Amino acid sequence: MHYPIIIQNEALGGQIILGILFAILFYMILHFLVKTLEMGYVLRNMRPWYTHFYFFQKKLNRDQKNILKKSFPFYNRLSKKHQSYFEHRVACFIKDKDFIGRDQFKITDEVEVLISATAVMLTFGFRDFYIGIISKIIVYPDVYYSKLNNTYHKGEFNPRLNTLVLCWKDFKLGLDVDNDNLNLGIHEFTHAIHINSMKERDISSTIFSDTFKELTELLLNEPNLREALVNSHYFRKYAFTNQFEFLAVIMETFIETPTEFKAKFPEVYGKTKQMLNFHFAGY
């Protein structure tokens, strides 16, 4: 007869289950309170409570880090602390995406690092930097024929296939000439970030999407500002094709010539900075 032992074990099992349920309930309440407090902070400040917090930081190897130092000026303008965060995010982004070469193009460390660094740069003020709507990045050596509209392209983003496509020749040219407000990588990644922000409801996507709505309303309500943007010729004509191209072009301009952008159109610059939560590297 072992009834006392059985009863004791059942009581202990019940206490463990109650303890687990209490812990889950406590976590849910705490999570809700934190989210509520952060949302209040976001509504007041239009920026996340925090952006960078990592238990373990991934590292780039020496060759990968040298590629950043040699070919990505934005990385060199960051503080040492932010450089370590940047490296971690580049390493994570490379691991998260499938890089595919077309027309016999070889995917090298340089290709992976520089394309990933462009995405990480644009989302460096985001908490969630993966741009989840992208799963594959296809790279051609030169312009390629696209079946989307039966013409030759330098780059495109296909949300239906979760695929970003780039011509390496023009992508690299956009990096090498960094003051002409033409950057293929920034342009196409902005399209992906824009659409991703419309689908996701994380803090950074919400700030990006809501701020872009504020910018759109600003331009609708101030025709003089809208006319000044068009007549300045500071933004190329392609910007005024539609709202998607407008956003992509102003992002190119914001990254490449921020001082001139701020001087010419401080309100638009401010909204762009708020969209990206850019508070580093002199922006």
C-alpha atoms as a PDB file:
ATOM      1  CA  MET A   1       0.000   0.000   0.000  1.00  0.00           C
ATOM      2  CA  HIS A   2       1.621   3.301  -1.119  1.00  0.00           C
ATOM      3  CA  TYR A   3      -1.358   5.677  -1.140  1.00  0.00           C
ATOM      4  CA  PRO A   4       0.363   8.474   0.880  1.00  0.00           C
ATOM      5  CA  ILE A   5       3.231   8.578  -1.612  1.00  0.00           C
ATOM      6  CA  ILE A   6       0.831   8.697  -4.566  1.00  0.00           C
ATOM      7  CA  ILE A   7      -1.226  11.450  -2.943  1.00  0.00           C
ATOM      8  CA  GLN A   8       1.947  13.390  -2.144  1.00  0.00           C
ATOM      9  CA  ASN A   9       3.207  13.086  -5.732  1.00  0.00           C
ATOM     10  CA  GLU A  10      -0.166  14.204  -7.098  1.00  0.00           C
ATOM     11  CA  ALA A  11      -0.146  17.218  -4.791  1.00  0.00           C
ATOM     12  CA  LEU A  12       3.393  18.070  -5.875  1.00  0.00           C
ATOM     13  CA  GLY A  13       2.408  17.710  -9.537  1.00  0.00           C
ATOM     14  CA  GLY A  14      -0.551  19.999  -8.989  1.00  0.00           C
ATOM     15  CA  GLN A  15       1.673  22.621  -7.361  1.00  0.00           C
ATOM     16  CA  ILE A  16       4.108  22.465 -10.294  1.00  0.00           C
ATOM     17  CA  ILE A  17       1.275  22.926 -12.808  1.00  0.00           C
ATOM     18  CA  LEU A  18      -0.125  25.838 -10.819  1.00  0.00           C
ATOM     19  CA  GLY A  19       3.355  27.346 -10.628  1.00  0.00           C
ATOM     20  CA  ILE A  20       3.781  27.058 -14.421  1.00  0.00           C
ATOM     21  CA  LEU A  21       0.354  28.584 -15.047  1.00  0.00           C
ATOM     22  CA  PHE A  22       1.137  31.426 -12.640  1.00  0.00           C
ATOM     23  CA  ALA A  23       4.479  32.064 -14.367  1.00  0.00           C
ATOM     24  CA  ILE A  24       2.776  32.144 -17.788  1.00  0.00           C
ATOM     25  CA  LEU A  25       0.089  34.508 -16.498  1.00  0.00           C
ATOM     26  CA  PHE A  26       2.711  36.756 -14.884  1.00  0.00           C
ATOM     27  CA  TYR A  27       4.701  36.856 -18.135  1.00  0.00           C
ATOM     28  CA  MET A  28       1.583  37.747 -20.150  1.00  0.00           C
ATOM     29  CA  ILE A  29       0.659  40.553 -17.756  1.00  0.00           C
ATOM     30  CA  LEU A  30       4.233  41.864 -17.696  1.00  0.00           C
ATOM     31  CA  HIS A  31       4.476  41.670 -21.492  1.00  0.00           C
ATOM     32  CA  PHE A  32       1.201  43.585 -21.849  1.00  0.00           C
ATOM     33  CA  LEU A  33       2.331  46.281 -19.400  1.00  0.00           C
ATOM     34  CA  VAL A  34       5.683  46.715 -21.164  1.00  0.00           C
ATOM     35  CA  LYS A  35       3.987  46.935 -24.569  1.00  0.00           C
ATOM     36  CA  THR A  36       1.485  49.473 -23.229  1.00  0.00           C
ATOM     37  CA  LEU A  37       4.217  51.611 -21.682  1.00  0.00           C
ATOM     38  CA  GLU A  38       6.328  51.471 -24.842  1.00  0.00           C
ATOM     39  CA  MET A  39       3.371  52.397 -27.028  1.00  0.00           C
ATOM     40  CA  GLY A  40       2.825  55.456 -24.857  1.00  0.00           C
ATOM     41  CA  TYR A  41       6.515  56.323 -25.283  1.00  0.00           C
ATOM     42  CA  VAL A  42       6.275  55.814 -29.052  1.00  0.00           C
ATOM     43  CA  LEU A  43       3.202  58.033 -29.343  1.00  0.00           C
ATOM     44  CA  ARG A  44       5.031  60.832 -27.510  1.00  0.00           C
ATOM     45  CA  ASN A  45       8.442  60.480 -29.149  1.00  0.00           C
ATOM     46  CA  MET A  46       7.839  58.550 -32.421  1.00  0.00           C
ATOM     47  CA  ARG A  47      10.802  56.301 -31.772  1.00  0.00           C
ATOM     48  CA  PRO A  48      11.248  52.887 -30.102  1.00  0.00           C
ATOM     49  CA  TRP A  49      12.020  52.577 -26.405  1.00  0.00           C
ATOM     50  CA  TYR A  50      15.201  50.771 -27.394  1.00  0.00           C
ATOM     51  CA  THR A  51      16.720  49.571 -30.663  1.00  0.00           C
ATOM     52  CA  HIS A  52      19.812  47.482 -29.962  1.00  0.00           C
ATOM     53  CA  PHE A  53      19.819  44.764 -27.308  1.00  0.00           C
ATOM     54  CA  TYR A  54      21.582  41.455 -27.918  1.00  0.00           C
ATOM     55  CA  PHE A  55      22.482  38.624 -25.543  1.00  0.00           C
ATOM     56  CA  PHE A  56      25.031  37.332 -28.036  1.00  0.00           C
ATOM     57  CA  GLN A  57      26.539  39.286 -30.909  1.00  0.00           C
ATOM     58  CA  LYS A  58      27.507  37.499 -34.105  1.00  0.00           C
ATOM     59  CA  LYS A  59      30.872  38.369 -35.626  1.00  0.00           C
ATOM     60  CA  LEU A  60      32.037  38.858 -39.175  1.00  0.00           C
ATOM     61  CA  ASN A  61      35.310  37.231 -40.161  1.00  0.00           C
ATOM     62  CA  ARG A  62      38.336  39.378 -40.938  1.00  0.00           C
ATOM     63  CA  ASP A  63      37.756  39.420 -44.713  1.00  0.00           C
ATOM     64  CA  GLN A  64      34.098  40.395 -44.295  1.00  0.00           C
ATOM     65  CA  LYS A  65      34.972  43.181 -41.881  1.00  0.00           C
ATOM     66  CA  ASN A  66      37.649  44.479 -44.263  1.00  0.00           C
ATOM     67  CA  ILE A  67      35.030  44.684 -47.022  1.00  0.00           C
ATOM     68  CA  LEU A  68      32.935  46.978 -44.810  1.00  0.00           C
ATOM     69  CA  LYS A  69      35.926  49.133 -43.898  1.00  0.00           C
ATOM     70  CA  LYS A  70      37.027  49.466 -47.514  1.00  0.00           C
ATOM     71  CA  SER A  71      33.728  49.846 -49.344  1.00  0.00           C
ATOM     72  CA  PHE A  72      31.015  51.010 -46.948  1.00  0.00           C
ATOM     73  CA  PRO A  73      31.619  54.561 -45.642  1.00  0.00           C
ATOM     74  CA  PHE A  74      28.513  54.553 -43.439  1.00  0.00           C
ATOM     75  CA  TYR A  75      30.042  51.805 -41.309  1.00  0.00           C
ATOM     76  CA  ASN A  76      33.233  53.834 -40.811  1.00  0.00           C
ATOM     77  CA  ARG A  77      31.249  56.840 -39.563  1.00  0.00           C
ATOM     78  CA  LEU A  78      29.665  54.837 -36.755  1.00  0.00           C
ATOM     79  CA  SER A  79      30.973  54.718 -33.193  1.00  0.00           C
ATOM     80  CA  LYS A  80      32.827  51.556 -32.127  1.00  0.00           C
ATOM     81  CA  LYS A  81      29.758  50.352 -30.233  1.00  0.00           C
ATOM     82  CA  HIS A  82      27.483  50.907 -33.212  1.00  0.00           C
ATOM     83  CA  GLN A  83      30.024  49.242 -35.516  1.00  0.00           C
ATOM     84  CA  SER A  84      29.796  46.074 -33.426  1.00  0.00           C
ATOM     85  CA  TYR A  85      25.984  46.226 -33.642  1.00  0.00           C
ATOM     86  CA  PHE A  86      26.221  46.793 -37.394  1.00  0.00           C
ATOM     87  CA  GLU A  87      28.512  43.781 -37.857  1.00  0.00           C
ATOM     88  CA  HIS A  88      26.127  41.616 -35.830  1.00  0.00           C
ATOM     89  CA  ARG A  89      23.180  42.636 -37.984  1.00  0.00           C
ATOM     90  CA  VAL A  90      25.066  42.092 -41.246  1.00  0.00           C
ATOM     91  CA  ALA A  91      26.054  38.597 -40.109  1.00  0.00           C
ATOM     92  CA  CYS A  92      22.432  37.830 -39.143  1.00  0.00           C
ATOM     93  CA  PHE A  93      21.066  39.214 -42.413  1.00  0.00           C
ATOM     94  CA  ILE A  94      23.484  37.134 -44.506  1.00  0.00           C
ATOM     95  CA  LYS A  95      22.426  33.983 -42.664  1.00  0.00           C
ATOM     96  CA  ASP A  96      18.716  34.808 -42.969  1.00  0.00           C
ATOM     97  CA  LYS A  97      18.584  35.357 -46.747  1.00  0.00           C
ATOM     98  CA  ASP A  98      19.236  33.114 -49.741  1.00  0.00           C
ATOM     99  CA  PHE A  99      21.653  34.820 -52.142  1.00  0.00           C
ATOM    100  CA  ILE A 100      21.334  33.460 -55.676  1.00  0.00           C
ATOM    101  CA  GLY A 101      23.507  34.320 -58.683  1.00  0.00           C
ATOM    102  CA  ARG A 102      22.069  34.380 -62.192  1.00  0.00           C
ATOM    103  CA  ASP A 103      23.714  34.404 -65.648  1.00  0.00           C
ATOM    104  CA  GLN A 104      26.810  32.709 -64.177  1.00  0.00           C
ATOM    105  CA  PHE A 105      27.250  35.434 -61.559  1.00  0.00           C
ATOM    106  CA  LYS A 106      29.178  34.175 -58.529  1.00  0.00           C
ATOM    107  CA  ILE A 107      27.991  35.095 -55.034  1.00  0.00           C
ATOM    108  CA  THR A 108      31.076  36.155 -53.065  1.00  0.00           C
ATOM    109  CA  ASP A 109      31.685  37.571 -49.591  1.00  0.00           C
ATOM    110  CA  GLU A 110      31.773  41.040 -51.153  1.00  0.00           C
ATOM    111  CA  VAL A 111      28.339  40.558 -52.709  1.00  0.00           C
ATOM    112  CA  GLU A 112      26.744  39.233 -49.524  1.00  0.00           C
ATOM    113  CA  VAL A 113      28.355  41.786 -47.224  1.00  0.00           C
ATOM    114  CA  LEU A 114      27.685  44.914 -49.295  1.00  0.00           C
ATOM    115  CA  ILE A 115      24.096  44.029 -50.173  1.00  0.00           C
ATOM    116  CA  SER A 116      23.364  43.051 -46.573  1.00  0.00           C
ATOM    117  CA  ALA A 117      25.076  46.189 -45.271  1.00  0.00           C
ATOM    118  CA  THR A 118      22.786  48.332 -47.433  1.00  0.00           C
ATOM    119  CA  ALA A 119      19.716  46.699 -45.917  1.00  0.00           C
ATOM    120  CA  VAL A 120      21.152  46.946 -42.396  1.00  0.00           C
ATOM    121  CA  MET A 121      22.026  50.621 -42.907  1.00  0.00           C
ATOM    122  CA  LEU A 122      18.428  51.498 -43.825  1.00  0.00           C
ATOM    123  CA  THR A 123      17.021  49.516 -40.886  1.00  0.00           C
ATOM    124  CA  PHE A 124      19.734  50.394 -38.367  1.00  0.00           C
ATOM    125  CA  GLY A 125      17.237  52.483 -36.413  1.00  0.00           C
ATOM    126  CA  PHE A 126      14.711  49.613 -36.429  1.00  0.00           C
ATOM    127  CA  ARG A 127      14.453  46.985 -33.734  1.00  0.00           C
ATOM    128  CA  ASP A 128      13.409  44.330 -36.258  1.00  0.00           C
ATOM    129  CA  PHE A 129      15.911  44.688 -39.083  1.00  0.00           C
ATOM    130  CA  TYR A 130      15.356  41.486 -41.075  1.00  0.00           C
ATOM    131  CA  ILE A 131      12.808  42.874 -43.604  1.00  0.00           C
ATOM    132  CA  GLY A 132      10.830  39.659 -43.308  1.00  0.00           C
ATOM    133  CA  ILE A 133       9.093  40.101 -46.653  1.00  0.00           C
ATOM    134  CA  ILE A 134      12.429  39.294 -48.356  1.00  0.00           C
ATOM    135  CA  SER A 135      13.557  35.669 -48.384  1.00  0.00           C
ATOM    136  CA  LYS A 136      15.654  35.570 -51.581  1.00  0.00           C
ATOM    137  CA  ILE A 137      18.084  38.043 -53.133  1.00  0.00           C
ATOM    138  CA  ILE A 138      18.875  37.354 -56.773  1.00  0.00           C
ATOM    139  CA  VAL A 139      21.906  39.047 -58.321  1.00  0.00           C
ATOM    140  CA  TYR A 140      22.645  39.442 -62.033  1.00  0.00           C
ATOM    141  CA  PRO A 141      26.016  40.673 -63.343  1.00  0.00           C
ATOM    142  CA  ASP A 142      24.367  43.341 -65.535  1.00  0.00           C
ATOM    143  CA  VAL A 143      20.913  44.527 -66.578  1.00  0.00           C
ATOM    144  CA  TYR A 144      18.501  41.641 -67.049  1.00  0.00           C
ATOM    145  CA  TYR A 145      15.247  40.934 -68.859  1.00  0.00           C
ATOM    146  CA  SER A 146      12.250  40.993 -66.529  1.00  0.00           C
ATOM    147  CA  LYS A 147       9.023  39.164 -67.300  1.00  0.00           C
ATOM    148  CA  LEU A 148       7.141  41.533 -64.990  1.00  0.00           C
ATOM    149  CA  ASN A 149       6.810  44.084 -67.767  1.00  0.00           C
ATOM    150  CA  ASN A 150       8.878  42.523 -70.552  1.00  0.00           C
ATOM    151  CA  THR A 151      11.722  45.011 -70.423  1.00  0.00           C
ATOM    152  CA  TYR A 152      15.272  45.235 -69.115  1.00  0.00           C
ATOM    153  CA  HIS A 153      15.723  46.107 -65.443  1.00  0.00           C
ATOM    154  CA  LYS A 154      18.516  47.116 -63.102  1.00  0.00           C
ATOM    155  CA  GLY A 155      16.597  45.975 -60.039  1.00  0.00           C
ATOM    156  CA  GLU A 156      13.154  45.200 -58.669  1.00  0.00           C
ATOM    157  CA  PHE A 157      11.298  43.887 -55.668  1.00  0.00           C
ATOM    158  CA  ASN A 158       8.677  41.194 -56.139  1.00  0.00           C
ATOM    159  CA  PRO A 159       6.537  40.914 -52.967  1.00  0.00           C
ATOM    160  CA  ARG A 160       4.578  37.970 -54.357  1.00  0.00           C
ATOM    161  CA  LEU A 161       7.778  35.919 -54.569  1.00  0.00           C
ATOM    162  CA  ASN A 162       9.444  37.581 -51.555  1.00  0.00           C
ATOM    163  CA  THR A 163      12.373  38.292 -53.843  1.00  0.00           C
ATOM    164  CA  LEU A 164      14.683  41.267 -54.325  1.00  0.00           C
ATOM    165  CA  VAL A 165      16.567  41.366 -57.636  1.00  0.00           C
ATOM    166  CA  LEU A 166      19.662  43.472 -58.292  1.00  0.00           C
ATOM    167  CA  CYS A 167      22.102  44.112 -61.117  1.00  0.00           C
ATOM    168  CA  TRP A 168      25.531  43.985 -59.459  1.00  0.00           C
ATOM    169  CA  LYS A 169      27.122  46.460 -61.883  1.00  0.00           C
ATOM    170  CA  ASP A 170      24.627  49.202 -61.020  1.00  0.00           C
ATOM    171  CA  PHE A 171      24.406  48.250 -57.358  1.00  0.00           C
ATOM    172  CA  LYS A 172      28.173  48.677 -57.039  1.00  0.00           C
ATOM    173  CA  LEU A 173      28.097  51.946 -58.990  1.00  0.00           C
ATOM    174  CA  GLY A 174      25.574  53.270 -56.477  1.00  0.00           C
ATOM    175  CA  LEU A 175      28.065  52.588 -53.680  1.00  0.00           C
ATOM    176  CA  ASP A 176      31.132  53.875 -55.504  1.00  0.00           C
ATOM    177  CA  VAL A 177      29.497  57.216 -56.405  1.00  0.00           C
ATOM    178  CA  ASP A 178      27.957  58.252 -53.107  1.00  0.00           C
ATOM    179  CA  ASN A 179      26.873  61.837 -53.721  1.00  0.00           C
ATOM    180  CA  ASP A 180      24.673  61.731 -56.832  1.00  0.00           C
ATOM    181  CA  ASN A 181      21.495  60.585 -55.031  1.00  0.00           C
ATOM    182  CA  LEU A 182      21.405  57.451 -57.169  1.00  0.00           C
ATOM    183  CA  ASN A 183      21.756  54.192 -55.287  1.00  0.00           C
ATOM    184  CA  LEU A 184      20.108  51.062 -56.661  1.00  0.00           C
ATOM    185  CA  GLY A 185      20.429  49.095 -53.418  1.00  0.00           C
ATOM    186  CA  ILE A 186      18.841  51.801 -51.278  1.00  0.00           C
ATOM    187  CA  HIS A 187      16.084  52.291 -53.836  1.00  0.00           C
ATOM    188  CA  GLU A 188      15.020  48.644 -54.071  1.00  0.00           C
ATOM    189  CA  PHE A 189      15.400  47.899 -50.367  1.00  0.00           C
ATOM    190  CA  THR A 190      13.215  50.931 -49.616  1.00  0.00           C
ATOM    191  CA  HIS A 191      10.441  49.401 -51.725  1.00  0.00           C
ATOM    192  CA  ALA A 192      10.719  46.207 -49.670  1.00  0.00           C
ATOM    193  CA  ILE A 193      10.779  48.077 -46.343  1.00  0.00           C
ATOM    194  CA  HIS A 194       7.787  50.172 -47.408  1.00  0.00           C
ATOM    195  CA  ILE A 195       5.648  47.149 -48.302  1.00  0.00           C
ATOM    196  CA  ASN A 196       6.902  45.238 -45.245  1.00  0.00           C
ATOM    197  CA  SER A 197       5.839  48.125 -42.987  1.00  0.00           C
ATOM    198  CA  MET A 198       2.325  47.923 -44.425  1.00  0.00           C
ATOM    199  CA  LYS A 199       2.079  44.228 -43.527  1.00  0.00           C
ATOM    200  CA  GLU A 200       3.850  44.072 -40.155  1.00  0.00           C
ATOM    201  CA  ARG A 201       2.779  45.700 -36.886  1.00  0.00           C
ATOM    202  CA  ASP A 202       6.047  45.757 -34.952  1.00  0.00           C
ATOM    203  CA  ILE A 203       7.064  49.081 -33.400  1.00  0.00           C
ATOM    204  CA  SER A 204       9.511  50.104 -36.134  1.00  0.00           C
ATOM    205  CA  SER A 205       7.149  49.209 -38.987  1.00  0.00           C
ATOM    206  CA  THR A 206       4.382  51.177 -37.297  1.00  0.00           C
ATOM    207  CA  ILE A 207       6.591  54.266 -36.911  1.00  0.00           C
ATOM    208  CA  PHE A 208       7.776  53.980 -40.523  1.00  0.00           C
ATOM    209  CA  SER A 209       4.279  53.578 -41.937  1.00  0.00           C
ATOM    210  CA  ASP A 210       2.636  56.231 -39.738  1.00  0.00           C
ATOM    211  CA  THR A 211       5.366  58.782 -40.406  1.00  0.00           C
ATOM    212  CA  PHE A 212       5.114  58.255 -44.143  1.00  0.00           C
ATOM    213  CA  LYS A 213       1.380  58.974 -43.828  1.00  0.00           C
ATOM    214  CA  GLU A 214       2.284  62.176 -41.974  1.00  0.00           C
ATOM    215  CA  LEU A 215       4.674  63.132 -44.777  1.00  0.00           C
ATOM    216  CA  THR A 216       2.020  62.416 -47.408  1.00  0.00           C
ATOM    217  CA  GLU A 217      -0.506  64.578 -45.552  1.00  0.00           C
ATOM    218  CA  LEU A 218       2.081  67.342 -45.157  1.00  0.00           C
ATOM    219  CA  LEU A 219       2.616  67.473 -48.912  1.00  0.00           C
ATOM    220  CA  LEU A 220      -1.119  67.310 -49.639  1.00  0.00           C
ATOM    221  CA  ASN A 221      -1.857  70.180 -47.269  1.00  0.00           C
ATOM    222  CA  GLU A 222       1.029  72.390 -48.364  1.00  0.00           C
ATOM    223  CA  PRO A 223       0.931  72.839 -52.153  1.00  0.00           C
ATOM    224  CA  ASN A 224       3.737  75.406 -52.007  1.00  0.00           C
ATOM    225  CA  LEU A 225       6.071  72.848 -50.455  1.00  0.00           C
ATOM    226  CA  ARG A 226       4.999  70.254 -53.000  1.00  0.00           C
ATOM    227  CA  GLU A 227       5.651  72.679 -55.825  1.00  0.00           C
ATOM    228  CA  ALA A 228       9.037  73.595 -54.370  1.00  0.00           C
ATOM    229  CA  LEU A 229      10.037  69.923 -54.287  1.00  0.00           C
ATOM    230  CA  VAL A 230       9.179  69.508 -57.958  1.00  0.00           C
ATOM    231  CA  ASN A 231      10.744  72.773 -59.134  1.00  0.00           C
ATOM    232  CA  SER A 232      13.960  72.374 -57.163  1.00  0.00           C
ATOM    233  CA  HIS A 233      15.150  69.527 -59.419  1.00  0.00           C
ATOM    234  CA  TYR A 234      16.913  68.233 -56.304  1.00  0.00           C
ATOM    235  CA  PHE A 235      14.851  65.049 -56.555  1.00  0.00           C
ATOM    236  CA  ARG A 236      14.886  63.450 -59.984  1.00  0.00           C
ATOM    237  CA  LYS A 237      11.613  63.367 -61.936  1.00  0.00           C
ATOM    238  CA  TYR A 238      11.166  59.649 -61.300  1.00  0.00           C
ATOM    239  CA  ALA A 239      10.348  60.525 -57.682  1.00  0.00           C
ATOM    240  CA  PHE A 240       7.011  61.966 -58.755  1.00  0.00           C
ATOM    241  CA  THR A 241       5.817  58.843 -60.570  1.00  0.00           C
ATOM    242  CA  ASN A 242       3.931  57.536 -57.518  1.00  0.00           C
ATOM    243  CA  GLN A 243       4.246  57.400 -53.719  1.00  0.00           C
ATOM    244  CA  PHE A 244       6.427  54.282 -53.801  1.00  0.00           C
ATOM    245  CA  GLU A 245       8.992  55.848 -56.118  1.00  0.00           C
ATOM    246  CA  PHE A 246       8.851  59.129 -54.208  1.00  0.00           C
ATOM    247  CA  LEU A 247       9.765  57.359 -50.977  1.00  0.00           C
ATOM    248  CA  ALA A 248      12.554  55.357 -52.620  1.00  0.00           C
ATOM    249  CA  VAL A 249      14.096  58.478 -54.173  1.00  0.00           C
ATOM    250  CA  ILE A 250      13.982  60.557 -50.980  1.00  0.00           C
ATOM    251  CA  MET A 251      15.676  57.684 -49.124  1.00  0.00           C
ATOM    252  CA  GLU A 252      18.512  57.702 -51.660  1.00  0.00           C
ATOM    253  CA  THR A 253      18.797  61.457 -51.185  1.00  0.00           C
ATOM    254  CA  PHE A 254      18.614  61.268 -47.390  1.00  0.00           C
ATOM    255  CA  ILE A 255      21.471  58.764 -47.190  1.00  0.00           C
ATOM    256  CA  GLU A 256      23.750  60.293 -49.822  1.00  0.00           C
ATOM    257  CA  THR A 257      23.376  64.076 -49.323  1.00  0.00           C
ATOM    258  CA  PRO A 258      21.803  64.605 -45.893  1.00  0.00           C
ATOM    259  CA  THR A 259      23.285  68.057 -45.243  1.00  0.00           C
ATOM    260  CA  GLU A 260      21.937  69.507 -48.490  1.00  0.00           C
ATOM    261  CA  PHE A 261      18.593  67.730 -47.991  1.00  0.00           C
ATOM    262  CA  LYS A 262      18.202  69.197 -44.497  1.00  0.00           C
ATOM    263  CA  ALA A 263      19.106  72.684 -45.688  1.00  0.00           C
ATOM    264  CA  LYS A 264      16.703  72.633 -48.649  1.00  0.00           C
ATOM    265  CA  PHE A 265      13.698  70.840 -47.161  1.00  0.00           C
ATOM    266  CA  PRO A 266      14.015  70.562 -43.361  1.00  0.00           C
ATOM    267  CA  GLU A 267      10.423  69.363 -42.807  1.00  0.00           C
ATOM    268  CA  VAL A 268      10.708  66.536 -45.328  1.00  0.00           C
ATOM    269  CA  TYR A 269      14.165  65.661 -44.003  1.00  0.00           C
ATOM    270  CA  GLY A 270      12.792  65.526 -40.453  1.00  0.00           C
ATOM    271  CA  LYS A 271      10.000  63.136 -41.430  1.00  0.00           C
ATOM    272  CA  THR A 272      12.457  60.919 -43.311  1.00  0.00           C
ATOM    273  CA  LYS A 273      14.768  60.819 -40.308  1.00  0.00           C
ATOM    274  CA  GLN A 274      11.825  59.959 -38.073  1.00  0.00           C
ATOM    275  CA  MET A 275      10.740  57.161 -40.407  1.00  0.00           C
ATOM    276  CA  LEU A 276      14.152  55.523 -40.127  1.00  0.00           C
ATOM    277  CA  ASN A 277      14.828  56.518 -36.485  1.00  0.00           C
ATOM    278  CA  PHE A 278      18.241  57.749 -37.648  1.00  0.00           C
ATOM    279  CA  HIS A 279      20.122  59.201 -34.679  1.00  0.00           C
ATOM    280  CA  PHE A 280      23.707  58.275 -35.496  1.00  0.00           C
ATOM    281  CA  ALA A 281      26.550  58.810 -37.991  1.00  0.00           C
ATOM    282  CA  GLY A 282      25.907  62.558 -38.218  1.00  0.00           C
ATOM    283  CA  TYR A 283      22.323  62.419 -39.500  1.00  0.00           C
END
